[in-house]
């Protein structure tokens, strides 16, 4: 590229009268060559940068796809109750009533069944448990018909903690949103950071989903369409705001905050 520029200068010199260029012409020619070289270099850099960006984007998409394969998919269907320890289940066999039984889920999640022994029930919905029972008793009975009813169970709940008036554990009674849960917990304290409320939701035994909810923005915009609905077992945590974190280290904070209070 630089050799080409020198050839251009020599060509201009030969075209000048007497094979020589005056000082002004040489300066103009050199300036023109520098501008051309700068433009070519800039274009080359943009091409290389674009290629690097495309390669980086491809690598990012590949990494994201690999991560998605290891993480469990979030369930989109409606919530269904799952069996928990200490639940009391009534098993009814309409065609073979001698197998009717009432079982209590043990602390380890198993139930003891007549004629077949122990079976893991914890974490399963009632339809899933019913199918498992049919498969298990199918080794003894022919096409067994089984109904499973929950007689006593752990009531669904959610937890609200952090900078609220009454943190604690609350019964889940249908659809409850984040703002409603905060209201049930006594509302935000003055020390609360409204814009970064944390919503924790267990997706599986190995994964817990965490989501930031900007309640302050929803209130300012008077729009609650983005107000998430809680699921049983969810936990809300309201962190402290920046002022409440540094207030203990400010000498005579009360005087600075309200100079007219004596």
Protein backbone atom coordinates (compact mmCIF):
# COMPACT_ATOMS: atom_id res chain seq x y z
CA UNK A 1 0.00 0.00 0.00
CA UNK A 2 2.78 2.44 0.89
CA UNK A 3 4.78 1.48 -2.24
CA UNK A 4 1.71 2.29 -4.33
CA UNK A 5 1.56 5.73 -2.71
CA UNK A 6 5.24 6.42 -3.57
CA UNK A 7 4.60 5.45 -7.19
CA UNK A 8 1.74 7.94 -7.28
CA UNK A 9 4.08 10.68 -6.04
CA UNK A 10 6.69 9.82 -8.67
CA UNK A 11 3.99 9.92 -11.36
CA UNK A 12 2.91 13.37 -10.26
CA UNK A 13 6.56 14.50 -10.31
CA UNK A 14 7.03 13.28 -13.89
CA UNK A 15 3.90 15.13 -14.94
CA UNK A 16 5.22 18.39 -13.50
CA UNK A 17 7.16 20.72 -15.85
CA UNK A 18 10.84 19.86 -15.89
CA UNK A 19 10.22 16.70 -13.81
CA UNK A 20 10.19 18.75 -10.68
CA UNK A 21 7.46 19.87 -8.34
CA UNK A 22 7.38 23.04 -6.38
CA UNK A 23 7.03 22.90 -2.63
CA UNK A 24 3.27 23.55 -2.58
CA UNK A 25 2.57 20.80 -5.10
CA UNK A 26 4.65 18.29 -3.12
CA UNK A 27 2.77 19.11 0.06
CA UNK A 28 -0.58 18.69 -1.66
CA UNK A 29 0.46 15.40 -3.19
CA UNK A 30 1.77 14.03 0.12
CA UNK A 31 -1.37 15.16 1.93
CA UNK A 32 -3.55 13.46 -0.68
CA UNK A 33 -1.63 10.21 -0.34
CA UNK A 34 -1.90 10.29 3.46
CA UNK A 35 -5.67 10.86 3.29
CA UNK A 36 -6.04 7.95 0.85
CA UNK A 37 -3.94 5.63 3.04
CA UNK A 38 -5.93 6.62 6.12
CA UNK A 39 -9.22 5.90 4.34
CA UNK A 40 -8.06 2.49 3.15
CA UNK A 41 -6.75 1.58 6.62
CA UNK A 42 -9.99 2.67 8.27
CA UNK A 43 -12.06 0.59 5.83
CA UNK A 44 -9.83 -2.44 6.40
CA UNK A 45 -10.19 -2.04 10.19
CA UNK A 46 -13.97 -1.87 9.90
CA UNK A 47 -14.06 -5.07 7.87
CA UNK A 48 -11.87 -6.88 10.42
CA UNK A 49 -13.93 -5.49 13.32
CA UNK A 50 -17.17 -6.61 11.68
CA UNK A 51 -15.77 -10.10 11.20
CA UNK A 52 -14.67 -10.26 14.84
CA UNK A 53 -18.08 -9.09 16.02
CA UNK A 54 -19.81 -11.74 13.94
CA UNK A 55 -17.48 -14.41 15.31
CA UNK A 56 -18.05 -13.18 18.89
CA UNK A 57 -21.83 -13.19 18.37
CA UNK A 58 -21.68 -16.73 17.00
CA UNK A 59 -19.61 -17.85 20.00
CA UNK A 60 -22.05 -16.17 22.39
CA UNK A 61 -25.03 -17.87 20.76
CA UNK A 62 -23.22 -21.21 20.94
CA UNK A 63 -22.42 -20.68 24.64
CA UNK A 64 -26.02 -19.67 25.36
CA UNK A 65 -27.33 -22.78 23.60
CA UNK A 66 -24.92 -24.96 25.59
CA UNK A 67 -26.04 -23.32 28.85
CA UNK A 68 -29.71 -23.79 27.94
CA UNK A 69 -29.09 -27.50 27.49
CA UNK A 70 -27.85 -27.81 31.09
CA UNK A 71 -30.54 -25.65 32.70
CA UNK A 72 -34.05 -27.00 33.23
CA UNK A 73 -36.77 -25.49 31.07
CA UNK A 74 -39.20 -23.25 32.91
CA UNK A 75 -42.64 -24.75 33.10
CA UNK A 76 -45.30 -22.78 31.25
CA UNK A 77 -48.30 -24.79 32.40
CA UNK A 78 -50.45 -23.92 35.39
CA UNK A 79 -49.32 -24.81 38.87
CA UNK A 80 -50.23 -28.27 40.19
CA UNK A 81 -49.90 -29.44 43.76
CA UNK A 82 -47.06 -31.88 44.42
CA UNK A 83 -46.84 -34.39 47.23
CA UNK A 84 -44.86 -33.35 50.31
CA UNK A 85 -43.72 -35.17 53.46
CA UNK A 86 -46.46 -35.56 56.12
CA UNK A 87 -49.23 -35.50 53.49
CA UNK A 88 -52.06 -37.98 54.10
CA UNK A 89 -53.22 -39.79 50.96
CA UNK A 90 -56.34 -41.91 50.50
CA UNK A 91 -55.88 -44.68 47.90
CA UNK A 92 -59.13 -46.18 46.61
CA UNK A 93 -59.35 -49.38 44.49
CA UNK A 94 -62.99 -49.58 43.26
CA UNK A 95 -62.60 -53.05 41.70
CA UNK A 96 -60.41 -54.50 44.45
CA UNK A 97 -61.47 -52.78 47.71
CA UNK A 98 -59.21 -55.02 49.78
CA UNK A 99 -56.34 -52.81 48.62
CA UNK A 100 -57.97 -49.58 49.85
CA UNK A 101 -55.57 -47.81 52.21
CA UNK A 102 -54.62 -44.54 53.82
CA UNK A 103 -50.93 -43.68 53.75
CA UNK A 104 -48.80 -40.89 55.21
CA UNK A 105 -45.82 -39.60 53.28
CA UNK A 106 -42.70 -40.24 55.32
CA UNK A 107 -40.02 -37.56 55.94
CA UNK A 108 -37.88 -39.11 53.19
CA UNK A 109 -40.76 -38.84 50.69
CA UNK A 110 -41.70 -42.52 50.51
CA UNK A 111 -45.06 -44.22 51.20
CA UNK A 112 -45.57 -47.81 52.37
CA UNK A 113 -48.07 -49.70 50.20
CA UNK A 114 -49.94 -52.92 50.80
CA UNK A 115 -48.44 -55.81 48.90
CA UNK A 116 -45.75 -53.86 47.02
CA UNK A 117 -43.60 -52.15 49.63
CA UNK A 118 -42.20 -48.60 49.52
CA UNK A 119 -42.69 -46.11 46.71
CA UNK A 120 -41.28 -42.59 46.27
CA UNK A 121 -44.21 -40.12 46.16
CA UNK A 122 -42.63 -36.79 47.11
CA UNK A 123 -42.47 -34.19 44.34
CA UNK A 124 -45.10 -35.83 42.14
CA UNK A 125 -48.48 -34.43 41.16
CA UNK A 126 -51.57 -36.51 41.87
CA UNK A 127 -51.97 -37.59 38.20
CA UNK A 128 -48.30 -38.60 38.09
CA UNK A 129 -48.60 -40.55 41.33
CA UNK A 130 -51.78 -42.25 40.11
CA UNK A 131 -50.03 -43.47 36.95
CA UNK A 132 -47.08 -44.69 39.00
CA UNK A 133 -49.39 -46.62 41.32
CA UNK A 134 -51.17 -48.21 38.36
CA UNK A 135 -47.82 -49.31 36.93
CA UNK A 136 -46.65 -50.65 40.29
CA UNK A 137 -49.87 -52.57 41.11
CA UNK A 138 -50.13 -53.70 37.48
CA UNK A 139 -47.56 -56.36 38.34
CA UNK A 140 -50.06 -57.86 40.78
CA UNK A 141 -53.47 -56.74 39.49
CA UNK A 142 -54.79 -56.72 35.94
CA UNK A 143 -55.58 -53.20 34.69
CA UNK A 144 -56.00 -51.74 38.19
CA UNK A 145 -58.27 -48.74 38.71
CA UNK A 146 -56.93 -46.41 41.41
CA UNK A 147 -58.06 -43.03 42.74
CA UNK A 148 -55.77 -40.85 44.87
CA UNK A 149 -57.19 -38.17 47.18
CA UNK A 150 -55.30 -35.86 49.52
CA UNK A 151 -56.89 -35.87 52.96
CA UNK A 152 -54.34 -33.70 54.74
CA UNK A 153 -51.52 -31.73 53.18
CA UNK A 154 -49.05 -28.91 53.64
CA UNK A 155 -50.84 -25.67 52.85
CA UNK A 156 -49.21 -23.69 50.02
CA UNK A 157 -47.32 -20.61 51.16
CA UNK A 158 -44.98 -17.80 50.11
CA UNK A 159 -42.36 -15.88 52.06
CA UNK A 160 -41.67 -12.14 52.18
CA UNK A 161 -38.48 -10.91 53.84
CA UNK A 162 -36.24 -7.89 54.06
CA UNK A 163 -37.35 -4.27 54.35
CA UNK A 164 -41.11 -4.74 54.83
CA UNK A 165 -43.34 -4.00 57.79
CA UNK A 166 -44.13 -7.62 58.76
CA UNK A 167 -41.80 -10.13 57.14
CA UNK A 168 -42.80 -13.76 57.39
CA UNK A 169 -44.54 -16.79 55.89
CA UNK A 170 -48.01 -16.31 54.38
CA UNK A 171 -50.67 -18.73 53.14
CA UNK A 172 -51.03 -18.85 49.38
CA UNK A 173 -54.72 -18.50 48.56
CA UNK A 174 -54.87 -18.24 44.80
CA UNK A 175 -53.33 -15.62 42.54
CA UNK A 176 -51.17 -13.20 44.53
CA UNK A 177 -48.91 -10.69 42.78
CA UNK A 178 -45.63 -9.21 44.01
CA UNK A 179 -47.19 -5.85 44.96
CA UNK A 180 -50.05 -7.61 46.76
CA UNK A 181 -47.60 -9.79 48.68
CA UNK A 182 -45.65 -6.70 49.77
CA UNK A 183 -48.90 -5.10 50.93
CA UNK A 184 -49.81 -8.23 52.92
CA UNK A 185 -46.37 -8.03 54.56
CA UNK A 186 -47.01 -4.49 55.81
CA UNK A 187 -45.66 -2.53 52.84
CA UNK A 188 -42.21 -1.12 52.20
CA UNK A 189 -40.15 0.47 54.96
CA UNK A 190 -38.34 3.77 54.41
CA UNK A 191 -35.13 1.76 54.10
CA UNK A 192 -36.44 -0.39 51.21
CA UNK A 193 -35.03 -0.34 47.70
CA UNK A 194 -38.27 -0.47 45.69
CA UNK A 195 -36.52 -0.80 42.33
CA UNK A 196 -34.71 -4.09 43.07
CA UNK A 197 -37.14 -6.48 44.73
CA UNK A 198 -35.85 -10.04 44.36
CA UNK A 199 -38.20 -12.90 43.46
CA UNK A 200 -36.81 -16.39 44.09
CA UNK A 201 -38.55 -19.43 42.59
CA UNK A 202 -37.37 -23.03 42.80
CA UNK A 203 -37.45 -24.62 39.36
CA UNK A 204 -36.05 -27.99 40.38
CA UNK A 205 -34.05 -29.59 43.16
CA UNK A 206 -30.84 -28.19 41.62
CA UNK A 207 -31.97 -24.81 40.22
CA UNK A 208 -33.57 -21.70 41.68
CA UNK A 209 -34.67 -18.86 39.42
CA UNK A 210 -34.01 -15.29 40.60
CA UNK A 211 -35.72 -12.27 39.04
CA UNK A 212 -35.44 -8.54 39.73
CA UNK A 213 -38.78 -6.73 39.95
CA UNK A 214 -38.83 -2.92 39.64
CA UNK A 215 -41.86 -2.09 41.80
CA UNK A 216 -40.88 1.59 41.87
CA UNK A 217 -41.17 1.85 38.09
CA UNK A 218 -44.55 0.12 38.08
CA UNK A 219 -45.89 2.56 40.67
CA UNK A 220 -44.45 5.60 38.87
CA UNK A 221 -45.97 4.52 35.56
CA UNK A 222 -49.25 3.45 37.24
CA UNK A 223 -49.01 0.21 35.29
CA UNK A 224 -49.25 -3.18 37.00
CA UNK A 225 -49.40 -5.31 33.86
CA UNK A 226 -45.82 -6.45 34.54
CA UNK A 227 -46.64 -7.38 38.16
CA UNK A 228 -45.54 -11.06 38.44
CA UNK A 229 -47.93 -13.62 39.95
CA UNK A 230 -46.42 -15.66 42.78
CA UNK A 231 -46.31 -19.44 42.86
CA UNK A 232 -46.49 -21.52 46.04
CA UNK A 233 -43.06 -21.66 47.67
CA UNK A 234 -41.87 -18.36 46.15
CA UNK A 235 -39.79 -15.97 48.24
CA UNK A 236 -39.65 -12.19 47.95
CA UNK A 237 -36.72 -10.28 49.39
CA UNK A 238 -36.65 -6.48 49.62
CA UNK A 239 -33.06 -5.17 50.03
CA UNK A 240 -31.94 -1.99 51.76
CA UNK A 241 -31.49 1.23 49.83
CA UNK A 242 -28.12 2.98 49.62
CA UNK A 243 -28.93 5.63 52.23
CA UNK A 244 -29.91 3.10 54.87
CA UNK A 245 -26.61 1.25 54.32
CA UNK A 246 -24.40 4.29 54.96
CA UNK A 247 -26.58 6.01 57.58
CA UNK A 248 -24.93 4.22 60.55
CA UNK A 249 -21.58 5.69 59.48
CA UNK A 250 -22.79 9.29 59.20
CA UNK A 251 -22.16 11.22 62.44
CA UNK A 252 -25.19 13.14 63.77
CA UNK A 253 -27.33 11.90 60.87
CA UNK A 254 -30.54 13.13 62.51
CA UNK A 255 -29.27 16.72 62.65
CA UNK A 256 -28.30 16.70 58.95
CA UNK A 257 -31.54 15.03 57.93
CA UNK A 258 -33.73 17.49 59.87
CA UNK A 259 -31.75 20.56 60.95
CA UNK A 260 -34.86 22.17 62.49
CA UNK A 261 -35.37 19.33 64.95
CA UNK A 262 -33.81 20.03 68.35
